[in-house]
mmCIF file of all heavy atoms, coordinates in Angstrom:
data_MODEL
# 
_entry.id   MODEL 
# 
loop_
_atom_site.group_PDB 
_atom_site.id 
_atom_site.type_symbol 
_atom_site.label_atom_id 
_atom_site.label_alt_id 
_atom_site.label_comp_id 
_atom_site.label_asym_id 
_atom_site.label_entity_id 
_atom_site.label_seq_id 
_atom_site.pdbx_PDB_ins_code 
_atom_site.Cartn_x 
_atom_site.Cartn_y 
_atom_site.Cartn_z 
_atom_site.occupancy 
_atom_site.B_iso_or_equiv 
_atom_site.pdbx_formal_charge 
_atom_site.auth_seq_id 
_atom_site.auth_comp_id 
_atom_site.auth_asym_id 
_atom_site.auth_atom_id 
_atom_site.pdbx_PDB_model_num 
ATOM 1   N N   . LEU A 1 1  ? 136.097 88.004  186.832 1.00 0.00 ? 1  LEU A N   1 
ATOM 2   C CA  . LEU A 1 1  ? 136.034 89.148  187.741 1.00 0.00 ? 1  LEU A CA  1 
ATOM 3   C C   . LEU A 1 1  ? 137.165 90.156  187.554 1.00 0.00 ? 1  LEU A C   1 
ATOM 4   O O   . LEU A 1 1  ? 137.106 91.248  188.116 1.00 0.00 ? 1  LEU A O   1 
ATOM 5   C CB  . LEU A 1 1  ? 136.036 88.655  189.200 1.00 0.00 ? 1  LEU A CB  1 
ATOM 6   C CG  . LEU A 1 1  ? 134.838 87.792  189.606 1.00 0.00 ? 1  LEU A CG  1 
ATOM 7   C CD1 . LEU A 1 1  ? 135.023 87.275  191.028 1.00 0.00 ? 1  LEU A CD1 1 
ATOM 8   C CD2 . LEU A 1 1  ? 133.536 88.551  189.469 1.00 0.00 ? 1  LEU A CD2 1 
ATOM 9   N N   . LYS A 1 2  ? 138.178 89.826  186.765 1.00 0.00 ? 2  LYS A N   1 
ATOM 10  C CA  . LYS A 1 2  ? 139.297 90.762  186.632 1.00 0.00 ? 2  LYS A CA  1 
ATOM 11  C C   . LYS A 1 2  ? 138.933 91.939  185.721 1.00 0.00 ? 2  LYS A C   1 
ATOM 12  O O   . LYS A 1 2  ? 138.027 91.852  184.893 1.00 0.00 ? 2  LYS A O   1 
ATOM 13  C CB  . LYS A 1 2  ? 140.551 90.053  186.142 1.00 0.00 ? 2  LYS A CB  1 
ATOM 14  C CG  . LYS A 1 2  ? 140.575 89.721  184.687 1.00 0.00 ? 2  LYS A CG  1 
ATOM 15  C CD  . LYS A 1 2  ? 141.889 89.064  184.310 1.00 0.00 ? 2  LYS A CD  1 
ATOM 16  C CE  . LYS A 1 2  ? 141.899 88.791  182.813 1.00 0.00 ? 2  LYS A CE  1 
ATOM 17  N NZ  . LYS A 1 2  ? 143.049 88.046  182.405 1.00 0.00 ? 2  LYS A NZ  1 
ATOM 18  N N   . GLU A 1 3  ? 139.663 93.013  185.914 1.00 0.00 ? 3  GLU A N   1 
ATOM 19  C CA  . GLU A 1 3  ? 139.432 94.222  185.137 1.00 0.00 ? 3  GLU A CA  1 
ATOM 20  C C   . GLU A 1 3  ? 139.751 93.979  183.665 1.00 0.00 ? 3  GLU A C   1 
ATOM 21  O O   . GLU A 1 3  ? 140.736 93.317  183.344 1.00 0.00 ? 3  GLU A O   1 
ATOM 22  C CB  . GLU A 1 3  ? 140.328 95.341  185.687 1.00 0.00 ? 3  GLU A CB  1 
ATOM 23  C CG  . GLU A 1 3  ? 140.120 96.673  185.010 1.00 0.00 ? 3  GLU A CG  1 
ATOM 24  C CD  . GLU A 1 3  ? 140.979 97.760  185.640 1.00 0.00 ? 3  GLU A CD  1 
ATOM 25  O OE1 . GLU A 1 3  ? 142.132 97.910  185.203 1.00 0.00 ? 3  GLU A OE1 1 
ATOM 26  O OE2 . GLU A 1 3  ? 140.493 98.413  186.569 1.00 0.00 ? 3  GLU A OE2 1 
ATOM 27  N N   . SER A 1 4  ? 138.910 94.509  182.782 1.00 0.00 ? 4  SER A N   1 
ATOM 28  C CA  . SER A 1 4  ? 139.149 94.395  181.338 1.00 0.00 ? 4  SER A CA  1 
ATOM 29  C C   . SER A 1 4  ? 139.083 95.778  180.702 1.00 0.00 ? 4  SER A C   1 
ATOM 30  O O   . SER A 1 4  ? 138.412 96.676  181.198 1.00 0.00 ? 4  SER A O   1 
ATOM 31  C CB  . SER A 1 4  ? 138.135 93.439  180.699 1.00 0.00 ? 4  SER A CB  1 
ATOM 32  O OG  . SER A 1 4  ? 136.826 93.930  180.876 1.00 0.00 ? 4  SER A OG  1 
ATOM 33  N N   . GLU A 1 5  ? 139.783 95.918  179.608 1.00 0.00 ? 5  GLU A N   1 
ATOM 34  C CA  . GLU A 1 5  ? 139.819 97.188  178.861 1.00 0.00 ? 5  GLU A CA  1 
ATOM 35  C C   . GLU A 1 5  ? 138.658 97.237  177.878 1.00 0.00 ? 5  GLU A C   1 
ATOM 36  O O   . GLU A 1 5  ? 138.266 96.226  177.320 1.00 0.00 ? 5  GLU A O   1 
ATOM 37  C CB  . GLU A 1 5  ? 141.131 97.295  178.077 1.00 0.00 ? 5  GLU A CB  1 
ATOM 38  C CG  . GLU A 1 5  ? 142.386 97.225  178.926 1.00 0.00 ? 5  GLU A CG  1 
ATOM 39  C CD  . GLU A 1 5  ? 142.580 98.452  179.795 1.00 0.00 ? 5  GLU A CD  1 
ATOM 40  O OE1 . GLU A 1 5  ? 142.306 99.569  179.322 1.00 0.00 ? 5  GLU A OE1 1 
ATOM 41  O OE2 . GLU A 1 5  ? 142.987 98.265  180.955 1.00 0.00 ? 5  GLU A OE2 1 
ATOM 42  N N   . LEU A 1 6  ? 138.096 98.436  177.676 1.00 0.00 ? 6  LEU A N   1 
ATOM 43  C CA  . LEU A 1 6  ? 137.092 98.595  176.638 1.00 0.00 ? 6  LEU A CA  1 
ATOM 44  C C   . LEU A 1 6  ? 137.170 99.959  175.998 1.00 0.00 ? 6  LEU A C   1 
ATOM 45  O O   . LEU A 1 6  ? 137.684 100.903 176.575 1.00 0.00 ? 6  LEU A O   1 
ATOM 46  C CB  . LEU A 1 6  ? 135.665 98.355  177.127 1.00 0.00 ? 6  LEU A CB  1 
ATOM 47  C CG  . LEU A 1 6  ? 135.201 98.624  178.496 1.00 0.00 ? 6  LEU A CG  1 
ATOM 48  C CD1 . LEU A 1 6  ? 134.083 99.629  178.567 1.00 0.00 ? 6  LEU A CD1 1 
ATOM 49  C CD2 . LEU A 1 6  ? 134.549 97.286  178.857 1.00 0.00 ? 6  LEU A CD2 1 
ATOM 50  N N   . ASP A 1 7  ? 136.672 99.988  174.778 1.00 0.00 ? 7  ASP A N   1 
ATOM 51  C CA  . ASP A 1 7  ? 136.578 101.255 174.062 1.00 0.00 ? 7  ASP A CA  1 
ATOM 52  C C   . ASP A 1 7  ? 135.237 101.874 174.420 1.00 0.00 ? 7  ASP A C   1 
ATOM 53  O O   . ASP A 1 7  ? 134.182 101.358 174.058 1.00 0.00 ? 7  ASP A O   1 
ATOM 54  C CB  . ASP A 1 7  ? 136.660 101.040 172.547 1.00 0.00 ? 7  ASP A CB  1 
ATOM 55  C CG  . ASP A 1 7  ? 138.025 100.588 172.101 1.00 0.00 ? 7  ASP A CG  1 
ATOM 56  O OD1 . ASP A 1 7  ? 139.009 100.986 172.748 1.00 0.00 ? 7  ASP A OD1 1 
ATOM 57  O OD2 . ASP A 1 7  ? 138.111 99.830  171.119 1.00 0.00 ? 7  ASP A OD2 1 
ATOM 58  N N   . PHE A 1 8  ? 135.299 102.977 175.156 1.00 0.00 ? 8  PHE A N   1 
ATOM 59  C CA  . PHE A 1 8  ? 134.089 103.661 175.600 1.00 0.00 ? 8  PHE A CA  1 
ATOM 60  C C   . PHE A 1 8  ? 134.400 105.144 175.647 1.00 0.00 ? 8  PHE A C   1 
ATOM 61  O O   . PHE A 1 8  ? 135.368 105.562 176.279 1.00 0.00 ? 8  PHE A O   1 
ATOM 62  C CB  . PHE A 1 8  ? 133.675 103.142 176.987 1.00 0.00 ? 8  PHE A CB  1 
ATOM 63  C CG  . PHE A 1 8  ? 132.468 103.836 177.542 1.00 0.00 ? 8  PHE A CG  1 
ATOM 64  C CD1 . PHE A 1 8  ? 131.203 103.525 177.080 1.00 0.00 ? 8  PHE A CD1 1 
ATOM 65  C CD2 . PHE A 1 8  ? 132.601 104.805 178.533 1.00 0.00 ? 8  PHE A CD2 1 
ATOM 66  C CE1 . PHE A 1 8  ? 130.082 104.173 177.589 1.00 0.00 ? 8  PHE A CE1 1 
ATOM 67  C CE2 . PHE A 1 8  ? 131.486 105.447 179.046 1.00 0.00 ? 8  PHE A CE2 1 
ATOM 68  C CZ  . PHE A 1 8  ? 130.221 105.128 178.568 1.00 0.00 ? 8  PHE A CZ  1 
ATOM 69  N N   . ARG A 1 9  ? 133.621 105.930 174.983 1.00 0.00 ? 9  ARG A N   1 
ATOM 70  C CA  . ARG A 1 9  ? 133.869 107.370 174.920 1.00 0.00 ? 9  ARG A CA  1 
ATOM 71  C C   . ARG A 1 9  ? 133.300 108.040 176.160 1.00 0.00 ? 9  ARG A C   1 
ATOM 72  O O   . ARG A 1 9  ? 132.094 108.058 176.399 1.00 0.00 ? 9  ARG A O   1 
ATOM 73  C CB  . ARG A 1 9  ? 133.262 107.973 173.670 1.00 0.00 ? 9  ARG A CB  1 
ATOM 74  C CG  . ARG A 1 9  ? 133.600 109.448 173.518 1.00 0.00 ? 9  ARG A CG  1 
ATOM 75  C CD  . ARG A 1 9  ? 133.513 109.848 172.060 1.00 0.00 ? 9  ARG A CD  1 
ATOM 76  N NE  . ARG A 1 9  ? 133.925 111.216 171.867 1.00 0.00 ? 9  ARG A NE  1 
ATOM 77  C CZ  . ARG A 1 9  ? 135.172 111.594 171.653 1.00 0.00 ? 9  ARG A CZ  1 
ATOM 78  N NH1 . ARG A 1 9  ? 136.120 110.702 171.605 1.00 0.00 ? 9  ARG A NH1 1 
ATOM 79  N NH2 . ARG A 1 9  ? 135.467 112.864 171.475 1.00 0.00 ? 9  ARG A NH2 1 
ATOM 80  N N   . CYS A 1 10 ? 134.201 108.604 176.949 1.00 0.00 ? 10 CYS A N   1 
ATOM 81  C CA  . CYS A 1 10 ? 133.828 109.316 178.171 1.00 0.00 ? 10 CYS A CA  1 
ATOM 82  C C   . CYS A 1 10 ? 133.476 110.766 177.821 1.00 0.00 ? 10 CYS A C   1 
ATOM 83  O O   . CYS A 1 10 ? 133.881 111.289 176.780 1.00 0.00 ? 10 CYS A O   1 
ATOM 84  C CB  . CYS A 1 10 ? 135.008 109.273 179.150 1.00 0.00 ? 10 CYS A CB  1 
ATOM 85  S SG  . CYS A 1 10 ? 134.704 110.151 180.702 1.00 0.00 ? 10 CYS A SG  1 
ATOM 86  N N   . ASP A 1 11 ? 132.750 111.432 178.714 1.00 0.00 ? 11 ASP A N   1 
ATOM 87  C CA  . ASP A 1 11 ? 132.416 112.844 178.521 1.00 0.00 ? 11 ASP A CA  1 
ATOM 88  C C   . ASP A 1 11 ? 133.659 113.718 178.421 1.00 0.00 ? 11 ASP A C   1 
ATOM 89  O O   . ASP A 1 11 ? 133.620 114.800 177.837 1.00 0.00 ? 11 ASP A O   1 
ATOM 90  C CB  . ASP A 1 11 ? 131.520 113.341 179.665 1.00 0.00 ? 11 ASP A CB  1 
ATOM 91  C CG  . ASP A 1 11 ? 130.136 112.723 179.616 1.00 0.00 ? 11 ASP A CG  1 
ATOM 92  O OD1 . ASP A 1 11 ? 129.727 112.245 178.528 1.00 0.00 ? 11 ASP A OD1 1 
ATOM 93  O OD2 . ASP A 1 11 ? 129.456 112.704 180.661 1.00 0.00 ? 11 ASP A OD2 1 
ATOM 94  N N   . CYS A 1 12 ? 134.797 113.247 178.987 1.00 0.00 ? 12 CYS A N   1 
ATOM 95  C CA  . CYS A 1 12 ? 136.029 114.037 178.928 1.00 0.00 ? 12 CYS A CA  1 
ATOM 96  C C   . CYS A 1 12 ? 136.693 113.935 177.557 1.00 0.00 ? 12 CYS A C   1 
ATOM 97  O O   . CYS A 1 12 ? 137.674 114.627 177.291 1.00 0.00 ? 12 CYS A O   1 
ATOM 98  C CB  . CYS A 1 12 ? 137.009 113.604 180.021 1.00 0.00 ? 12 CYS A CB  1 
ATOM 99  S SG  . CYS A 1 12 ? 137.851 112.038 179.707 1.00 0.00 ? 12 CYS A SG  1 
ATOM 100 N N   . GLY A 1 13 ? 136.177 113.054 176.677 1.00 0.00 ? 13 GLY A N   1 
ATOM 101 C CA  . GLY A 1 13 ? 136.719 112.908 175.327 1.00 0.00 ? 13 GLY A CA  1 
ATOM 102 C C   . GLY A 1 13 ? 137.620 111.699 175.162 1.00 0.00 ? 13 GLY A C   1 
ATOM 103 O O   . GLY A 1 13 ? 137.963 111.327 174.038 1.00 0.00 ? 13 GLY A O   1 
ATOM 104 N N   . ALA A 1 14 ? 138.031 111.078 176.246 1.00 0.00 ? 14 ALA A N   1 
ATOM 105 C CA  . ALA A 1 14 ? 138.905 109.899 176.165 1.00 0.00 ? 14 ALA A CA  1 
ATOM 106 C C   . ALA A 1 14 ? 138.110 108.689 175.672 1.00 0.00 ? 14 ALA A C   1 
ATOM 107 O O   . ALA A 1 14 ? 136.895 108.603 175.856 1.00 0.00 ? 14 ALA A O   1 
ATOM 108 C CB  . ALA A 1 14 ? 139.516 109.612 177.520 1.00 0.00 ? 14 ALA A CB  1 
ATOM 109 N N   . ASN A 1 15 ? 138.811 107.754 175.041 1.00 0.00 ? 15 ASN A N   1 
ATOM 110 C CA  . ASN A 1 15 ? 138.177 106.549 174.500 1.00 0.00 ? 15 ASN A CA  1 
ATOM 111 C C   . ASN A 1 15 ? 138.552 105.273 175.242 1.00 0.00 ? 15 ASN A C   1 
ATOM 112 O O   . ASN A 1 15 ? 138.117 104.196 174.871 1.00 0.00 ? 15 ASN A O   1 
ATOM 113 C CB  . ASN A 1 15 ? 138.540 106.371 173.025 1.00 0.00 ? 15 ASN A CB  1 
ATOM 114 C CG  . ASN A 1 15 ? 137.888 107.421 172.160 1.00 0.00 ? 15 ASN A CG  1 
ATOM 115 O OD1 . ASN A 1 15 ? 136.760 107.818 172.410 1.00 0.00 ? 15 ASN A OD1 1 
ATOM 116 N ND2 . ASN A 1 15 ? 138.601 107.875 171.147 1.00 0.00 ? 15 ASN A ND2 1 
ATOM 117 N N   . SER A 1 16 ? 139.385 105.354 176.248 1.00 0.00 ? 16 SER A N   1 
ATOM 118 C CA  . SER A 1 16 ? 139.869 104.164 176.944 1.00 0.00 ? 16 SER A CA  1 
ATOM 119 C C   . SER A 1 16 ? 139.274 104.079 178.343 1.00 0.00 ? 16 SER A C   1 
ATOM 120 O O   . SER A 1 16 ? 139.414 104.995 179.151 1.00 0.00 ? 16 SER A O   1 
ATOM 121 C CB  . SER A 1 16 ? 141.397 104.198 177.021 1.00 0.00 ? 16 SER A CB  1 
ATOM 122 O OG  . SER A 1 16 ? 141.875 103.055 177.672 1.00 0.00 ? 16 SER A OG  1 
ATOM 123 N N   . SER A 1 17 ? 138.607 102.981 178.612 1.00 0.00 ? 17 SER A N   1 
ATOM 124 C CA  . SER A 1 17 ? 137.989 102.756 179.910 1.00 0.00 ? 17 SER A CA  1 
ATOM 125 C C   . SER A 1 17 ? 138.264 101.333 180.358 1.00 0.00 ? 17 SER A C   1 
ATOM 126 O O   . SER A 1 17 ? 138.741 100.501 179.592 1.00 0.00 ? 17 SER A O   1 
ATOM 127 C CB  . SER A 1 17 ? 136.479 102.969 179.840 1.00 0.00 ? 17 SER A CB  1 
ATOM 128 O OG  . SER A 1 17 ? 136.175 104.296 179.475 1.00 0.00 ? 17 SER A OG  1 
ATOM 129 N N   . SER A 1 18 ? 137.917 101.051 181.585 1.00 0.00 ? 18 SER A N   1 
ATOM 130 C CA  . SER A 1 18 ? 138.006 99.683  182.091 1.00 0.00 ? 18 SER A CA  1 
ATOM 131 C C   . SER A 1 18 ? 136.653 99.282  182.663 1.00 0.00 ? 18 SER A C   1 
ATOM 132 O O   . SER A 1 18 ? 135.826 100.132 183.001 1.00 0.00 ? 18 SER A O   1 
ATOM 133 C CB  . SER A 1 18 ? 139.098 99.564  183.151 1.00 0.00 ? 18 SER A CB  1 
ATOM 134 O OG  . SER A 1 18 ? 138.744 100.313 184.296 1.00 0.00 ? 18 SER A OG  1 
ATOM 135 N N   . GLN A 1 19 ? 136.465 97.991  182.752 1.00 0.00 ? 19 GLN A N   1 
ATOM 136 C CA  . GLN A 1 19 ? 135.236 97.447  183.312 1.00 0.00 ? 19 GLN A CA  1 
ATOM 137 C C   . GLN A 1 19 ? 135.627 96.339  184.270 1.00 0.00 ? 19 GLN A C   1 
ATOM 138 O O   . GLN A 1 19 ? 136.525 95.550  183.982 1.00 0.00 ? 19 GLN A O   1 
ATOM 139 C CB  . GLN A 1 19 ? 134.368 96.886  182.193 1.00 0.00 ? 19 GLN A CB  1 
ATOM 140 C CG  . GLN A 1 19 ? 133.154 96.124  182.678 1.00 0.00 ? 19 GLN A CG  1 
ATOM 141 C CD  . GLN A 1 19 ? 132.353 95.568  181.517 1.00 0.00 ? 19 GLN A CD  1 
ATOM 142 O OE1 . GLN A 1 19 ? 132.050 96.274  180.570 1.00 0.00 ? 19 GLN A OE1 1 
ATOM 143 N NE2 . GLN A 1 19 ? 132.022 94.290  181.586 1.00 0.00 ? 19 GLN A NE2 1 
ATOM 144 N N   . GLN A 1 20 ? 134.948 96.280  185.413 1.00 0.00 ? 20 GLN A N   1 
ATOM 145 C CA  . GLN A 1 20 ? 135.218 95.212  186.364 1.00 0.00 ? 20 GLN A CA  1 
ATOM 146 C C   . GLN A 1 20 ? 133.927 94.824  187.061 1.00 0.00 ? 20 GLN A C   1 
ATOM 147 O O   . GLN A 1 20 ? 133.139 95.668  187.461 1.00 0.00 ? 20 GLN A O   1 
ATOM 148 C CB  . GLN A 1 20 ? 136.262 95.631  187.393 1.00 0.00 ? 20 GLN A CB  1 
ATOM 149 C CG  . GLN A 1 20 ? 136.662 94.500  188.307 1.00 0.00 ? 20 GLN A CG  1 
ATOM 150 C CD  . GLN A 1 20 ? 137.931 94.799  189.069 1.00 0.00 ? 20 GLN A CD  1 
ATOM 151 O OE1 . GLN A 1 20 ? 138.352 95.952  189.198 1.00 0.00 ? 20 GLN A OE1 1 
ATOM 152 N NE2 . GLN A 1 20 ? 138.564 93.753  189.569 1.00 0.00 ? 20 GLN A NE2 1 
ATOM 153 N N   . SER A 1 21 ? 133.737 93.511  187.207 1.00 0.00 ? 21 SER A N   1 
ATOM 154 C CA  . SER A 1 21 ? 132.560 92.988  187.894 1.00 0.00 ? 21 SER A CA  1 
ATOM 155 C C   . SER A 1 21 ? 132.985 92.430  189.247 1.00 0.00 ? 21 SER A C   1 
ATOM 156 O O   . SER A 1 21 ? 134.108 91.965  189.415 1.00 0.00 ? 21 SER A O   1 
ATOM 157 C CB  . SER A 1 21 ? 131.901 91.879  187.065 1.00 0.00 ? 21 SER A CB  1 
ATOM 158 O OG  . SER A 1 21 ? 131.394 92.401  185.864 1.00 0.00 ? 21 SER A OG  1 
ATOM 159 N N   . ALA A 1 22 ? 132.046 92.470  190.194 1.00 0.00 ? 22 ALA A N   1 
ATOM 160 C CA  . ALA A 1 22 ? 132.300 91.941  191.536 1.00 0.00 ? 22 ALA A CA  1 
ATOM 161 C C   . ALA A 1 22 ? 130.983 91.449  192.127 1.00 0.00 ? 22 ALA A C   1 
ATOM 162 O O   . ALA A 1 22 ? 129.919 91.988  191.830 1.00 0.00 ? 22 ALA A O   1 
ATOM 163 C CB  . ALA A 1 22 ? 132.908 93.020  192.429 1.00 0.00 ? 22 ALA A CB  1 
ATOM 164 N N   . PHE A 1 23 ? 131.089 90.432  192.975 1.00 0.00 ? 23 PHE A N   1 
ATOM 165 C CA  . PHE A 1 23 ? 129.915 89.966  193.706 1.00 0.00 ? 23 PHE A CA  1 
ATOM 166 C C   . PHE A 1 23 ? 129.629 90.951  194.830 1.00 0.00 ? 23 PHE A C   1 
ATOM 167 O O   . PHE A 1 23 ? 130.517 91.278  195.610 1.00 0.00 ? 23 PHE A O   1 
ATOM 168 C CB  . PHE A 1 23 ? 130.162 88.592  194.340 1.00 0.00 ? 23 PHE A CB  1 
ATOM 169 C CG  . PHE A 1 23 ? 130.165 87.460  193.362 1.00 0.00 ? 23 PHE A CG  1 
ATOM 170 C CD1 . PHE A 1 23 ? 131.348 86.976  192.837 1.00 0.00 ? 23 PHE A CD1 1 
ATOM 171 C CD2 . PHE A 1 23 ? 128.974 86.860  192.979 1.00 0.00 ? 23 PHE A CD2 1 
ATOM 172 C CE1 . PHE A 1 23 ? 131.357 85.918  191.949 1.00 0.00 ? 23 PHE A CE1 1 
ATOM 173 C CE2 . PHE A 1 23 ? 128.963 85.804  192.092 1.00 0.00 ? 23 PHE A CE2 1 
ATOM 174 C CZ  . PHE A 1 23 ? 130.166 85.328  191.573 1.00 0.00 ? 23 PHE A CZ  1 
ATOM 175 N N   . VAL A 1 24 ? 128.416 91.430  194.918 1.00 0.00 ? 24 VAL A N   1 
ATOM 176 C CA  . VAL A 1 24 ? 127.993 92.254  196.040 1.00 0.00 ? 24 VAL A CA  1 
ATOM 177 C C   . VAL A 1 24 ? 127.546 91.319  197.162 1.00 0.00 ? 24 VAL A C   1 
ATOM 178 O O   . VAL A 1 24 ? 127.933 91.464  198.315 1.00 0.00 ? 24 VAL A O   1 
ATOM 179 C CB  . VAL A 1 24 ? 126.867 93.231  195.643 1.00 0.00 ? 24 VAL A CB  1 
ATOM 180 C CG1 . VAL A 1 24 ? 126.381 94.012  196.849 1.00 0.00 ? 24 VAL A CG1 1 
ATOM 181 C CG2 . VAL A 1 24 ? 127.356 94.173  194.551 1.00 0.00 ? 24 VAL A CG2 1 
ATOM 182 N N   . THR A 1 25 ? 126.705 90.369  196.800 1.00 0.00 ? 25 THR A N   1 
ATOM 183 C CA  . THR A 1 25 ? 126.262 89.327  197.730 1.00 0.00 ? 25 THR A CA  1 
ATOM 184 C C   . THR A 1 25 ? 126.486 87.984  197.059 1.00 0.00 ? 25 THR A C   1 
ATOM 185 O O   . THR A 1 25 ? 126.620 87.902  195.833 1.00 0.00 ? 25 THR A O   1 
ATOM 186 C CB  . THR A 1 25 ? 124.773 89.476  198.099 1.00 0.00 ? 25 THR A CB  1 
ATOM 187 O OG1 . THR A 1 25 ? 124.000 89.383  196.899 1.00 0.00 ? 25 THR A OG1 1 
ATOM 188 C CG2 . THR A 1 25 ? 124.500 90.797  198.796 1.00 0.00 ? 25 THR A CG2 1 
ATOM 189 N N   . LEU A 1 26 ? 126.508 86.939  197.866 1.00 0.00 ? 26 LEU A N   1 
ATOM 190 C CA  . LEU A 1 26 ? 126.710 85.596  197.322 1.00 0.00 ? 26 LEU A CA  1 
ATOM 191 C C   . LEU A 1 26 ? 125.400 84.815  197.351 1.00 0.00 ? 26 LEU A C   1 
ATOM 192 O O   . LEU A 1 26 ? 124.686 84.828  198.357 1.00 0.00 ? 26 LEU A O   1 
ATOM 193 C CB  . LEU A 1 26 ? 127.769 84.853  198.137 1.00 0.00 ? 26 LEU A CB  1 
ATOM 194 C CG  . LEU A 1 26 ? 129.178 85.443  198.038 1.00 0.00 ? 26 LEU A CG  1 
ATOM 195 C CD1 . LEU A 1 26 ? 130.121 84.717  198.981 1.00 0.00 ? 26 LEU A CD1 1 
ATOM 196 C CD2 . LEU A 1 26 ? 129.693 85.372  196.602 1.00 0.00 ? 26 LEU A CD2 1 
ATOM 197 N N   . PRO A 1 27 ? 125.076 84.133  196.258 1.00 0.00 ? 27 PRO A N   1 
ATOM 198 C CA  . PRO A 1 27 ? 123.824 83.378  196.207 1.00 0.00 ? 27 PRO A CA  1 
ATOM 199 C C   . PRO A 1 27 ? 123.926 82.060  196.975 1.00 0.00 ? 27 PRO A C   1 
ATOM 200 O O   . PRO A 1 27 ? 125.020 81.555  197.228 1.00 0.00 ? 27 PRO A O   1 
ATOM 201 C CB  . PRO A 1 27 ? 123.653 83.112  194.705 1.00 0.00 ? 27 PRO A CB  1 
ATOM 202 C CG  . PRO A 1 27 ? 125.049 83.057  194.188 1.00 0.00 ? 27 PRO A CG  1 
ATOM 203 C CD  . PRO A 1 27 ? 125.819 84.077  195.003 1.00 0.00 ? 27 PRO A CD  1 
# 
């Protein structure tokens, strides 16, 4: 669930992004 770095080209031209997952509901 922790934030991770990824290479992703944004519309602003930057190549550095982060990704994070979270539970919305619990099964």
